[in-house]
Amino acid sequence: MSELIPTEPHRRLRKAPWRVAPLAALDFETTGLDFERDAIVSFGVVPVIGGRVIVGQSVHQIVVPEVPSSVRSMKLHEILPQDLLEAPPLEVARRRLHEAIDGRFLLTWYSDVEVAFLGRIFGGRRREWVRRTIDVRELALEAENVNGFPGVRFSLTATAERYGVPVTNPHEALDDALVTAQLFLVLASRLAERGYRRASHFLGLTRA
């Protein structure tokens, strides 16, 4: 499986201005959050190129999961068994995901989920995925400097609402990826005023 791991962006791109770095927002909907047992049921990928969200190159794919969704998960992502009748298995859908994220830094919301399932799908060590992933939630925490104060919700939807980013279908992979991409642009622009101008600055926030 290791030969199928998507290419990591070149090291020189880590020090490039974030508007130059190749980026793609990624969201998984899953059968649950047991990283050892559960599986993805859909993914959405939205490219961010030159500081712009490229909606026309977005990818949305439903996948036949290796294990059935829990009732709670189905209530969240609303993907029911009948919706999977014509969906491909993971070994087929994986090729499309590979193409969508190959050579790009990844924008995620709460990266533990995407990092864990990327390792399950493609192989590779956790640190290899972490070092190419920007957790947009961490950018929001840094931008607002809340340090865990109560009363401020940092779900994707709540944060998007604070910044005026529209949310159409929460827990739908493509919409969540699109919201994550748009939030990244807002937060990156704000953090630039505090010296966060390179891809490495945002990658560093995620590792921290």
N, C-alpha and C. Protein backbone atom coordinates (compact mmCIF):
# COMPACT_ATOMS: atom_id res chain seq x y z
N MET A 1 0.82 -1.21 0.00
CA MET A 1 0.00 0.00 0.00
C MET A 1 0.85 1.26 0.00
N SER A 2 2.09 1.19 0.48
CA SER A 2 2.90 2.39 0.64
C SER A 2 3.13 3.13 -0.67
N GLU A 3 3.16 2.38 -1.80
CA GLU A 3 3.39 3.06 -3.07
C GLU A 3 2.20 3.91 -3.49
N LEU A 4 1.07 3.76 -2.80
CA LEU A 4 -0.11 4.54 -3.12
C LEU A 4 -0.24 5.79 -2.27
N ILE A 5 0.70 6.04 -1.38
CA ILE A 5 0.63 7.24 -0.54
C ILE A 5 0.79 8.47 -1.42
N PRO A 6 -0.15 9.42 -1.33
CA PRO A 6 -0.04 10.62 -2.15
C PRO A 6 1.26 11.37 -1.85
N THR A 7 1.81 11.99 -2.89
CA THR A 7 3.07 12.69 -2.78
C THR A 7 2.95 13.87 -1.82
N GLU A 8 3.93 14.03 -0.96
CA GLU A 8 3.98 15.17 -0.05
C GLU A 8 4.56 16.37 -0.80
N PRO A 9 4.06 17.59 -0.55
CA PRO A 9 4.63 18.76 -1.22
C PRO A 9 6.13 18.89 -0.94
N HIS A 10 6.85 19.44 -1.88
CA HIS A 10 8.30 19.62 -1.74
C HIS A 10 8.60 20.49 -0.52
N ARG A 11 9.72 20.20 0.14
CA ARG A 11 10.07 20.92 1.37
C ARG A 11 10.17 22.42 1.17
N ARG A 12 10.61 22.86 0.00
CA ARG A 12 10.74 24.30 -0.23
C ARG A 12 9.39 25.00 -0.18
N LEU A 13 8.31 24.26 -0.47
CA LEU A 13 6.98 24.86 -0.43
C LEU A 13 6.51 25.13 0.98
N ARG A 14 7.13 24.50 1.95
CA ARG A 14 6.76 24.75 3.34
C ARG A 14 7.08 26.19 3.73
N LYS A 15 8.14 26.75 3.15
CA LYS A 15 8.56 28.11 3.47
C LYS A 15 8.00 29.14 2.50
N ALA A 16 7.19 28.67 1.58
CA ALA A 16 6.57 29.59 0.61
C ALA A 16 5.42 30.34 1.27
N PRO A 17 5.10 31.54 0.76
CA PRO A 17 3.88 32.22 1.24
C PRO A 17 2.69 31.28 1.08
N TRP A 18 1.77 31.35 2.03
CA TRP A 18 0.68 30.38 2.00
C TRP A 18 -0.17 30.51 0.74
N ARG A 19 -0.20 31.68 0.13
CA ARG A 19 -0.96 31.84 -1.11
C ARG A 19 -0.31 31.11 -2.28
N VAL A 20 0.95 30.78 -2.14
CA VAL A 20 1.67 30.06 -3.19
C VAL A 20 1.61 28.55 -2.97
N ALA A 21 1.50 28.14 -1.73
CA ALA A 21 1.53 26.71 -1.40
C ALA A 21 0.31 25.99 -1.97
N PRO A 22 0.48 24.77 -2.47
CA PRO A 22 -0.65 23.98 -2.97
C PRO A 22 -1.46 23.43 -1.81
N LEU A 23 -2.75 23.74 -1.76
CA LEU A 23 -3.60 23.39 -0.62
C LEU A 23 -4.87 22.69 -1.09
N ALA A 24 -5.42 21.87 -0.22
CA ALA A 24 -6.71 21.25 -0.48
C ALA A 24 -7.40 20.98 0.85
N ALA A 25 -8.62 21.47 1.00
CA ALA A 25 -9.41 21.17 2.19
C ALA A 25 -10.01 19.78 2.05
N LEU A 26 -9.94 19.01 3.14
CA LEU A 26 -10.38 17.62 3.13
C LEU A 26 -11.31 17.37 4.31
N ASP A 27 -12.41 16.69 4.04
CA ASP A 27 -13.29 16.26 5.12
C ASP A 27 -13.75 14.83 4.87
N PHE A 28 -13.74 14.03 5.94
CA PHE A 28 -14.27 12.68 5.91
C PHE A 28 -15.55 12.61 6.73
N GLU A 29 -16.53 11.90 6.22
CA GLU A 29 -17.64 11.44 7.05
C GLU A 29 -17.41 9.94 7.26
N THR A 30 -17.64 9.48 8.47
CA THR A 30 -17.24 8.12 8.83
C THR A 30 -18.38 7.36 9.49
N THR A 31 -18.16 6.07 9.66
CA THR A 31 -19.15 5.23 10.33
C THR A 31 -19.12 5.40 11.84
N GLY A 32 -18.12 6.10 12.33
CA GLY A 32 -17.94 6.33 13.76
C GLY A 32 -16.56 6.90 13.99
N LEU A 33 -16.16 7.07 15.24
CA LEU A 33 -14.87 7.68 15.55
C LEU A 33 -13.91 6.72 16.25
N ASP A 34 -14.14 5.43 16.08
CA ASP A 34 -13.15 4.44 16.52
C ASP A 34 -12.14 4.30 15.39
N PHE A 35 -10.96 4.90 15.56
CA PHE A 35 -9.99 4.96 14.47
C PHE A 35 -9.46 3.59 14.08
N GLU A 36 -9.61 2.60 14.93
CA GLU A 36 -9.13 1.25 14.62
C GLU A 36 -10.21 0.43 13.90
N ARG A 37 -11.46 0.70 14.20
CA ARG A 37 -12.54 -0.15 13.68
C ARG A 37 -13.33 0.52 12.56
N ASP A 38 -13.65 1.80 12.71
CA ASP A 38 -14.58 2.45 11.79
C ASP A 38 -13.93 2.77 10.46
N ALA A 39 -14.75 3.24 9.51
CA ALA A 39 -14.29 3.47 8.14
C ALA A 39 -14.97 4.71 7.59
N ILE A 40 -14.43 5.23 6.48
CA ILE A 40 -15.04 6.40 5.86
C ILE A 40 -16.24 5.96 5.02
N VAL A 41 -17.23 6.86 4.98
CA VAL A 41 -18.42 6.61 4.16
C VAL A 41 -18.53 7.68 3.06
N SER A 42 -17.79 8.77 3.19
CA SER A 42 -17.72 9.77 2.12
C SER A 42 -16.54 10.70 2.36
N PHE A 43 -16.10 11.37 1.31
CA PHE A 43 -15.07 12.40 1.46
C PHE A 43 -15.35 13.55 0.51
N GLY A 44 -14.90 14.71 0.93
CA GLY A 44 -14.98 15.91 0.11
C GLY A 44 -13.63 16.59 0.07
N VAL A 45 -13.21 17.05 -1.09
CA VAL A 45 -11.93 17.74 -1.26
C VAL A 45 -12.18 19.00 -2.07
N VAL A 46 -11.68 20.13 -1.55
CA VAL A 46 -11.83 21.41 -2.23
C VAL A 46 -10.46 22.07 -2.37
N PRO A 47 -9.96 22.26 -3.60
CA PRO A 47 -8.64 22.88 -3.78
C PRO A 47 -8.67 24.37 -3.42
N VAL A 48 -7.54 24.84 -2.90
CA VAL A 48 -7.33 26.27 -2.64
C VAL A 48 -6.04 26.65 -3.37
N ILE A 49 -6.18 27.46 -4.40
CA ILE A 49 -5.05 27.79 -5.27
C ILE A 49 -4.93 29.31 -5.36
N GLY A 50 -3.73 29.82 -5.07
CA GLY A 50 -3.50 31.25 -5.18
C GLY A 50 -4.40 32.09 -4.30
N GLY A 51 -4.75 31.54 -3.12
CA GLY A 51 -5.61 32.27 -2.21
C GLY A 51 -7.07 32.27 -2.60
N ARG A 52 -7.47 31.34 -3.47
CA ARG A 52 -8.86 31.26 -3.92
C ARG A 52 -9.37 29.82 -3.80
N VAL A 53 -10.63 29.70 -3.41
CA VAL A 53 -11.28 28.39 -3.38
C VAL A 53 -11.74 28.05 -4.80
N ILE A 54 -11.30 26.90 -5.30
CA ILE A 54 -11.63 26.49 -6.67
C ILE A 54 -12.75 25.45 -6.60
N VAL A 55 -13.97 25.94 -6.53
CA VAL A 55 -15.12 25.04 -6.35
C VAL A 55 -15.27 24.10 -7.54
N GLY A 56 -14.95 24.58 -8.74
CA GLY A 56 -15.13 23.76 -9.93
C GLY A 56 -14.26 22.52 -9.98
N GLN A 57 -13.20 22.47 -9.16
CA GLN A 57 -12.33 21.30 -9.13
C GLN A 57 -12.56 20.44 -7.87
N SER A 58 -13.66 20.71 -7.18
CA SER A 58 -13.96 19.96 -5.96
C SER A 58 -14.31 18.51 -6.29
N VAL A 59 -14.12 17.66 -5.30
CA VAL A 59 -14.44 16.23 -5.43
C VAL A 59 -15.32 15.82 -4.25
N HIS A 60 -16.39 15.12 -4.56
CA HIS A 60 -17.25 14.55 -3.51
C HIS A 60 -17.53 13.11 -3.88
N GLN A 61 -17.28 12.21 -2.94
CA GLN A 61 -17.44 10.79 -3.24
C GLN A 61 -18.04 10.05 -2.05
N ILE A 62 -19.12 9.31 -2.30
CA ILE A 62 -19.65 8.39 -1.31
C ILE A 62 -18.97 7.04 -1.50
N VAL A 63 -18.69 6.37 -0.39
CA VAL A 63 -17.91 5.13 -0.41
C VAL A 63 -18.67 4.05 0.36
N VAL A 64 -18.67 2.84 -0.16
CA VAL A 64 -19.21 1.71 0.61
C VAL A 64 -18.26 1.43 1.76
N PRO A 65 -18.68 1.64 3.00
CA PRO A 65 -17.76 1.46 4.12
C PRO A 65 -17.49 -0.01 4.42
N GLU A 66 -16.36 -0.25 5.04
CA GLU A 66 -15.99 -1.62 5.37
C GLU A 66 -16.77 -2.15 6.56
N VAL A 67 -17.34 -1.24 7.35
CA VAL A 67 -18.22 -1.61 8.47
C VAL A 67 -19.45 -0.71 8.38
N PRO A 68 -20.60 -1.16 8.87
CA PRO A 68 -21.82 -0.33 8.78
C PRO A 68 -21.73 0.89 9.70
N SER A 69 -22.40 1.96 9.30
CA SER A 69 -22.45 3.16 10.13
C SER A 69 -23.26 2.91 11.40
N SER A 70 -22.83 3.54 12.47
CA SER A 70 -23.63 3.52 13.69
C SER A 70 -24.87 4.37 13.47
N VAL A 71 -25.88 4.16 14.28
CA VAL A 71 -27.10 4.94 14.19
C VAL A 71 -26.80 6.42 14.39
N ARG A 72 -25.94 6.72 15.35
CA ARG A 72 -25.59 8.12 15.62
C ARG A 72 -24.91 8.75 14.41
N SER A 73 -24.01 8.01 13.76
CA SER A 73 -23.31 8.55 12.60
C SER A 73 -24.28 8.79 11.45
N MET A 74 -25.21 7.87 11.24
CA MET A 74 -26.18 8.07 10.15
C MET A 74 -27.05 9.29 10.40
N LYS A 75 -27.37 9.57 11.66
CA LYS A 75 -28.15 10.76 11.98
C LYS A 75 -27.36 12.03 11.65
N LEU A 76 -26.03 11.96 11.78
CA LEU A 76 -25.20 13.12 11.51
C LEU A 76 -25.00 13.33 10.01
N HIS A 77 -24.47 12.31 9.31
CA HIS A 77 -24.15 12.52 7.90
C HIS A 77 -25.31 12.18 6.95
N GLU A 78 -26.35 11.53 7.47
CA GLU A 78 -27.57 11.24 6.70
C GLU A 78 -27.30 10.41 5.44
N ILE A 79 -26.25 9.61 5.48
CA ILE A 79 -26.00 8.66 4.39
C ILE A 79 -26.55 7.31 4.83
N LEU A 80 -27.61 6.88 4.18
CA LEU A 80 -28.31 5.67 4.57
C LEU A 80 -27.87 4.51 3.68
N PRO A 81 -28.15 3.27 4.10
CA PRO A 81 -27.73 2.11 3.28
C PRO A 81 -28.20 2.18 1.84
N GLN A 82 -29.41 2.69 1.59
CA GLN A 82 -29.89 2.77 0.21
C GLN A 82 -29.11 3.78 -0.63
N ASP A 83 -28.45 4.73 0.03
CA ASP A 83 -27.63 5.71 -0.69
C ASP A 83 -26.32 5.11 -1.20
N LEU A 84 -25.99 3.92 -0.71
CA LEU A 84 -24.71 3.29 -1.03
C LEU A 84 -24.82 2.24 -2.13
N LEU A 85 -26.01 2.08 -2.69
CA LEU A 85 -26.24 0.99 -3.63
C LEU A 85 -25.33 1.08 -4.86
N GLU A 86 -25.02 2.29 -5.33
CA GLU A 86 -24.18 2.45 -6.51
C GLU A 86 -22.82 3.04 -6.17
N ALA A 87 -22.50 3.13 -4.90
CA ALA A 87 -21.21 3.70 -4.48
C ALA A 87 -20.09 2.67 -4.66
N PRO A 88 -18.88 3.13 -4.97
CA PRO A 88 -17.75 2.21 -5.12
C PRO A 88 -17.17 1.80 -3.78
N PRO A 89 -16.48 0.68 -3.73
CA PRO A 89 -15.75 0.31 -2.51
C PRO A 89 -14.52 1.21 -2.34
N LEU A 90 -13.91 1.12 -1.17
CA LEU A 90 -12.77 1.99 -0.87
C LEU A 90 -11.61 1.79 -1.84
N GLU A 91 -11.33 0.55 -2.24
CA GLU A 91 -10.18 0.32 -3.11
C GLU A 91 -10.32 1.02 -4.45
N VAL A 92 -11.55 1.33 -4.86
CA VAL A 92 -11.78 2.10 -6.09
C VAL A 92 -11.78 3.59 -5.78
N ALA A 93 -12.51 4.00 -4.75
CA ALA A 93 -12.61 5.42 -4.40
C ALA A 93 -11.25 5.99 -3.96
N ARG A 94 -10.39 5.14 -3.44
CA ARG A 94 -9.08 5.60 -2.96
C ARG A 94 -8.28 6.26 -4.08
N ARG A 95 -8.43 5.79 -5.30
CA ARG A 95 -7.68 6.38 -6.42
C ARG A 95 -8.10 7.82 -6.65
N ARG A 96 -9.40 8.07 -6.54
CA ARG A 96 -9.90 9.44 -6.73
C ARG A 96 -9.42 10.36 -5.62
N LEU A 97 -9.41 9.86 -4.40
CA LEU A 97 -8.91 10.64 -3.27
C LEU A 97 -7.42 10.92 -3.45
N HIS A 98 -6.68 9.93 -3.89
CA HIS A 98 -5.25 10.09 -4.14
C HIS A 98 -5.00 11.25 -5.11
N GLU A 99 -5.71 11.25 -6.21
CA GLU A 99 -5.55 12.31 -7.22
C GLU A 99 -5.89 13.68 -6.66
N ALA A 100 -6.89 13.74 -5.80
CA ALA A 100 -7.37 15.02 -5.30
C ALA A 100 -6.41 15.67 -4.31
N ILE A 101 -5.66 14.86 -3.55
CA ILE A 101 -4.78 15.43 -2.52
C ILE A 101 -3.30 15.29 -2.85
N ASP A 102 -2.98 14.67 -3.96
CA ASP A 102 -1.59 14.42 -4.31
C ASP A 102 -0.82 15.74 -4.45
N GLY A 103 0.31 15.84 -3.77
CA GLY A 103 1.16 17.02 -3.87
C GLY A 103 0.64 18.26 -3.18
N ARG A 104 -0.34 18.12 -2.27
CA ARG A 104 -0.94 19.27 -1.61
C ARG A 104 -0.82 19.18 -0.09
N PHE A 105 -0.72 20.34 0.54
CA PHE A 105 -0.92 20.42 1.97
C PHE A 105 -2.42 20.33 2.23
N LEU A 106 -2.78 19.71 3.35
CA LEU A 106 -4.19 19.45 3.62
C LEU A 106 -4.73 20.41 4.67
N LEU A 107 -5.90 20.94 4.41
CA LEU A 107 -6.62 21.78 5.35
C LEU A 107 -7.74 20.94 5.94
N THR A 108 -7.76 20.80 7.26
CA THR A 108 -8.78 19.99 7.91
C THR A 108 -9.36 20.75 9.10
N TRP A 109 -10.47 20.26 9.59
CA TRP A 109 -11.05 20.79 10.83
C TRP A 109 -10.95 19.69 11.87
N TYR A 110 -10.14 19.91 12.89
CA TYR A 110 -9.83 18.90 13.89
C TYR A 110 -9.13 17.71 13.21
N SER A 111 -7.85 17.89 13.00
CA SER A 111 -7.08 17.02 12.10
C SER A 111 -6.93 15.58 12.57
N ASP A 112 -7.16 15.30 13.86
CA ASP A 112 -7.00 13.93 14.34
C ASP A 112 -7.81 12.95 13.52
N VAL A 113 -9.01 13.35 13.12
CA VAL A 113 -9.89 12.44 12.38
C VAL A 113 -9.29 12.13 11.01
N GLU A 114 -8.99 13.19 10.24
CA GLU A 114 -8.48 12.97 8.88
C GLU A 114 -7.13 12.27 8.90
N VAL A 115 -6.25 12.65 9.82
CA VAL A 115 -4.93 12.03 9.90
C VAL A 115 -5.05 10.54 10.18
N ALA A 116 -5.93 10.19 11.12
CA ALA A 116 -6.09 8.78 11.47
C ALA A 116 -6.60 7.96 10.29
N PHE A 117 -7.62 8.47 9.60
CA PHE A 117 -8.20 7.69 8.51
C PHE A 117 -7.33 7.72 7.25
N LEU A 118 -6.56 8.78 7.04
CA LEU A 118 -5.60 8.76 5.93
C LEU A 118 -4.58 7.65 6.12
N GLY A 119 -4.13 7.48 7.36
CA GLY A 119 -3.20 6.39 7.65
C GLY A 119 -3.83 5.03 7.39
N ARG A 120 -5.12 4.91 7.71
CA ARG A 120 -5.81 3.65 7.45
C ARG A 120 -5.96 3.40 5.95
N ILE A 121 -6.23 4.46 5.20
CA ILE A 121 -6.52 4.31 3.77
C ILE A 121 -5.26 4.07 2.96
N PHE A 122 -4.21 4.86 3.22
CA PHE A 122 -3.01 4.84 2.39
C PHE A 122 -1.79 4.23 3.06
N GLY A 123 -1.83 4.08 4.38
CA GLY A 123 -0.62 3.68 5.09
C GLY A 123 0.21 4.90 5.43
N GLY A 124 1.42 4.68 5.90
CA GLY A 124 2.28 5.78 6.30
C GLY A 124 2.13 6.07 7.78
N ARG A 125 3.17 6.68 8.35
CA ARG A 125 3.15 6.99 9.78
C ARG A 125 2.33 8.24 10.05
N ARG A 126 1.81 8.29 11.26
CA ARG A 126 0.99 9.44 11.66
C ARG A 126 1.76 10.75 11.45
N ARG A 127 3.02 10.79 11.85
CA ARG A 127 3.78 12.04 11.76
C ARG A 127 3.96 12.48 10.32
N GLU A 128 3.96 11.54 9.38
CA GLU A 128 4.08 11.90 7.96
C GLU A 128 2.85 12.63 7.47
N TRP A 129 1.69 12.27 8.01
CA TRP A 129 0.46 12.96 7.63
C TRP A 129 0.33 14.27 8.39
N VAL A 130 0.72 14.28 9.66
CA VAL A 130 0.62 15.50 10.46
C VAL A 130 1.46 16.62 9.87
N ARG A 131 2.66 16.30 9.38
CA ARG A 131 3.56 17.36 8.92
C ARG A 131 3.10 17.99 7.59
N ARG A 132 2.07 17.43 6.97
CA ARG A 132 1.54 18.04 5.75
C ARG A 132 0.12 18.55 5.94
N THR A 133 -0.32 18.61 7.20
CA THR A 133 -1.71 18.97 7.51
C THR A 133 -1.79 20.26 8.31
N ILE A 134 -2.69 21.14 7.90
CA ILE A 134 -2.99 22.37 8.62
C ILE A 134 -4.36 22.21 9.26
N ASP A 135 -4.39 22.27 10.59
CA ASP A 135 -5.65 22.14 11.32
C ASP A 135 -6.26 23.54 11.45
N VAL A 136 -7.32 23.79 10.70
CA VAL A 136 -7.91 25.13 10.67
C VAL A 136 -8.53 25.49 12.02
N ARG A 137 -8.94 24.50 12.78
CA ARG A 137 -9.44 24.78 14.14
C ARG A 137 -8.33 25.41 14.98
N GLU A 138 -7.11 24.93 14.83
CA GLU A 138 -6.00 25.51 15.58
C GLU A 138 -5.75 26.96 15.17
N LEU A 139 -5.99 27.27 13.89
CA LEU A 139 -5.86 28.65 13.45
C LEU A 139 -6.91 29.53 14.12
N ALA A 140 -8.13 28.99 14.25
CA ALA A 140 -9.19 29.75 14.91
C ALA A 140 -8.84 30.00 16.38
N LEU A 141 -8.33 28.98 17.04
CA LEU A 141 -7.93 29.14 18.44
C LEU A 141 -6.84 30.19 18.58
N GLU A 142 -5.89 30.18 17.66
CA GLU A 142 -4.80 31.16 17.71
C GLU A 142 -5.32 32.56 17.39
N ALA A 143 -6.19 32.67 16.41
CA ALA A 143 -6.71 33.98 16.01
C ALA A 143 -7.52 34.62 17.13
N GLU A 144 -8.28 33.80 17.85
CA GLU A 144 -9.13 34.34 18.91
C GLU A 144 -8.44 34.31 20.27
N ASN A 145 -7.36 33.56 20.36
CA ASN A 145 -6.54 33.53 21.57
C ASN A 145 -7.38 33.28 22.81
N VAL A 146 -8.25 32.27 22.71
CA VAL A 146 -9.18 32.02 23.81
C VAL A 146 -8.57 31.16 24.91
N ASN A 147 -7.58 30.35 24.56
CA ASN A 147 -6.92 29.51 25.56
C ASN A 147 -7.90 28.69 26.40
N GLY A 148 -8.92 28.19 25.73
CA GLY A 148 -9.85 27.30 26.43
C GLY A 148 -10.88 27.99 27.29
N PHE A 149 -11.08 29.31 27.13
CA PHE A 149 -12.10 29.98 27.94
C PHE A 149 -13.47 29.39 27.62
N PRO A 150 -14.31 29.17 28.65
CA PRO A 150 -15.65 28.63 28.40
C PRO A 150 -16.53 29.65 27.69
N GLY A 151 -17.58 29.13 27.04
CA GLY A 151 -18.55 30.01 26.42
C GLY A 151 -18.31 30.26 24.95
N VAL A 152 -17.16 29.84 24.42
CA VAL A 152 -16.87 30.00 23.00
C VAL A 152 -16.82 28.61 22.38
N ARG A 153 -17.71 28.36 21.43
CA ARG A 153 -17.78 27.04 20.80
C ARG A 153 -16.88 27.02 19.57
N PHE A 154 -16.10 25.95 19.44
CA PHE A 154 -15.20 25.82 18.30
C PHE A 154 -15.54 24.61 17.45
N SER A 155 -16.84 24.37 17.30
CA SER A 155 -17.26 23.44 16.25
C SER A 155 -17.09 24.16 14.92
N LEU A 156 -17.09 23.40 13.83
CA LEU A 156 -16.94 24.01 12.51
C LEU A 156 -18.08 24.98 12.23
N THR A 157 -19.31 24.56 12.51
CA THR A 157 -20.46 25.41 12.21
C THR A 157 -20.46 26.68 13.06
N ALA A 158 -20.19 26.55 14.36
CA ALA A 158 -20.21 27.72 15.23
C ALA A 158 -19.12 28.71 14.84
N THR A 159 -17.95 28.22 14.50
CA THR A 159 -16.86 29.10 14.11
C THR A 159 -17.16 29.78 12.78
N ALA A 160 -17.71 29.03 11.86
CA ALA A 160 -18.07 29.61 10.56
C ALA A 160 -19.09 30.74 10.75
N GLU A 161 -20.04 30.54 11.62
CA GLU A 161 -21.05 31.58 11.86
C GLU A 161 -20.42 32.85 12.41
N ARG A 162 -19.41 32.70 13.28
CA ARG A 162 -18.77 33.88 13.84
C ARG A 162 -18.05 34.70 12.78
N TYR A 163 -17.57 34.02 11.73
CA TYR A 163 -16.80 34.71 10.69
C TYR A 163 -17.61 34.97 9.42
N GLY A 164 -18.90 34.71 9.48
CA GLY A 164 -19.74 35.00 8.34
C GLY A 164 -19.57 34.06 7.17
N VAL A 165 -19.06 32.87 7.42
CA VAL A 165 -18.91 31.86 6.37
C VAL A 165 -20.18 31.03 6.31
N PRO A 166 -20.85 30.95 5.16
CA PRO A 166 -22.12 30.22 5.08
C PRO A 166 -21.94 28.71 5.24
N VAL A 167 -22.86 28.10 5.95
CA VAL A 167 -22.90 26.65 6.13
C VAL A 167 -24.24 26.16 5.60
N THR A 168 -24.19 25.30 4.60
CA THR A 168 -25.42 24.84 3.96
C THR A 168 -25.86 23.48 4.48
N ASN A 169 -24.93 22.52 4.48
CA ASN A 169 -25.25 21.15 4.88
C ASN A 169 -24.21 20.63 5.88
N PRO A 170 -24.36 20.94 7.15
CA PRO A 170 -23.39 20.44 8.14
C PRO A 170 -23.29 18.91 8.11
N HIS A 171 -22.08 18.42 8.27
CA HIS A 171 -21.77 16.99 8.27
C HIS A 171 -21.97 16.34 6.90
N GLU A 172 -22.00 17.15 5.86
CA GLU A 172 -21.91 16.65 4.49
C GLU A 172 -20.48 16.95 4.03
N ALA A 173 -19.77 15.93 3.57
CA ALA A 173 -18.32 16.03 3.40
C ALA A 173 -17.90 17.19 2.51
N LEU A 174 -18.57 17.38 1.39
CA LEU A 174 -18.16 18.45 0.48
C LEU A 174 -18.42 19.82 1.09
N ASP A 175 -19.58 20.00 1.73
CA ASP A 175 -19.87 21.29 2.34
C ASP A 175 -18.91 21.58 3.49
N ASP A 176 -18.61 20.58 4.31
CA ASP A 176 -17.66 20.80 5.41
C ASP A 176 -16.28 21.14 4.88
N ALA A 177 -15.86 20.50 3.79
CA ALA A 177 -14.57 20.84 3.19
C ALA A 177 -14.58 22.26 2.64
N LEU A 178 -15.69 22.66 2.02
CA LEU A 178 -15.80 24.01 1.48
C LEU A 178 -15.77 25.05 2.60
N VAL A 179 -16.50 24.80 3.68
CA VAL A 179 -16.50 25.71 4.82
C VAL A 179 -15.09 25.79 5.43
N THR A 180 -14.42 24.66 5.54
CA THR A 180 -13.06 24.64 6.07
C THR A 180 -12.13 25.48 5.19
N ALA A 181 -12.25 25.34 3.87
CA ALA A 181 -11.42 26.12 2.95
C ALA A 181 -11.67 27.62 3.10
N GLN A 182 -12.95 27.99 3.17
CA GLN A 182 -13.29 29.41 3.28
C GLN A 182 -12.84 29.98 4.62
N LEU A 183 -13.01 29.21 5.69
CA LEU A 183 -12.54 29.65 6.99
C LEU A 183 -11.03 29.84 7.01
N PHE A 184 -10.33 28.93 6.34
CA PHE A 184 -8.87 29.05 6.28
C PHE A 184 -8.48 30.39 5.67
N LEU A 185 -9.12 30.78 4.58
CA LEU A 185 -8.77 32.04 3.92
C LEU A 185 -9.01 33.22 4.84
N VAL A 186 -10.11 33.21 5.57
CA VAL A 186 -10.42 34.29 6.50
C VAL A 186 -9.38 34.35 7.62
N LEU A 187 -9.11 33.20 8.22
CA LEU A 187 -8.20 33.15 9.36
C LEU A 187 -6.75 33.41 8.95
N ALA A 188 -6.35 32.88 7.80
CA ALA A 188 -4.98 33.12 7.33
C ALA A 188 -4.74 34.60 7.09
N SER A 189 -5.73 35.27 6.53
CA SER A 189 -5.59 36.71 6.28
C SER A 189 -5.47 37.47 7.60
N ARG A 190 -6.23 37.07 8.60
CA ARG A 190 -6.15 37.75 9.90
C ARG A 190 -4.82 37.47 10.58
N LEU A 191 -4.39 36.23 10.53
CA LEU A 191 -3.14 35.87 11.20
C LEU A 191 -1.93 36.45 10.49
N ALA A 192 -2.06 36.79 9.21
CA ALA A 192 -0.95 37.42 8.48
C ALA A 192 -0.54 38.73 9.15
N GLU A 193 -1.50 39.41 9.77
CA GLU A 193 -1.21 40.65 10.47
C GLU A 193 -0.34 40.42 11.69
N ARG A 194 -0.27 39.19 12.15
CA ARG A 194 0.57 38.83 13.31
C ARG A 194 1.80 38.05 12.89
N GLY A 195 2.11 38.07 11.60
CA GLY A 195 3.34 37.46 11.12
C GLY A 195 3.23 36.05 10.60
N TYR A 196 2.01 35.50 10.55
CA TYR A 196 1.82 34.16 10.01
C TYR A 196 1.61 34.29 8.51
N ARG A 197 2.68 34.12 7.75
CA ARG A 197 2.58 34.37 6.31
C ARG A 197 3.00 33.17 5.46
N ARG A 198 3.65 32.20 6.06
CA ARG A 198 4.13 31.04 5.30
C ARG A 198 3.34 29.80 5.65
N ALA A 199 3.36 28.85 4.75
CA ALA A 199 2.71 27.57 5.03
C ALA A 199 3.27 26.95 6.30
N SER A 200 4.58 27.08 6.51
CA SER A 200 5.22 26.47 7.69
C SER A 200 4.67 27.04 8.98
N HIS A 201 4.26 28.31 8.98
CA HIS A 201 3.70 28.90 10.19
C HIS A 201 2.42 28.19 10.60
N PHE A 202 1.58 27.90 9.64
CA PHE A 202 0.31 27.23 9.95
C PHE A 202 0.52 25.73 10.24
N LEU A 203 1.45 25.13 9.53
CA LEU A 203 1.78 23.74 9.83
C LEU A 203 2.33 23.60 11.25
N GLY A 204 3.09 24.60 11.66
CA GLY A 204 3.65 24.59 13.01
C GLY A 204 2.58 24.69 14.08
N LEU A 205 1.53 25.46 13.82
CA LEU A 205 0.43 25.54 14.78
C LEU A 205 -0.23 24.18 14.98
N THR A 206 -0.37 23.44 13.90
CA THR A 206 -0.99 22.13 13.98
C THR A 206 -0.13 21.18 14.80
N ARG A 207 1.17 21.17 14.55
CA ARG A 207 2.07 20.28 15.30
C ARG A 207 2.10 20.63 16.78
N ALA A 208 2.02 21.94 17.07
CA ALA A 208 2.05 22.36 18.47
C ALA A 208 0.82 21.88 19.22
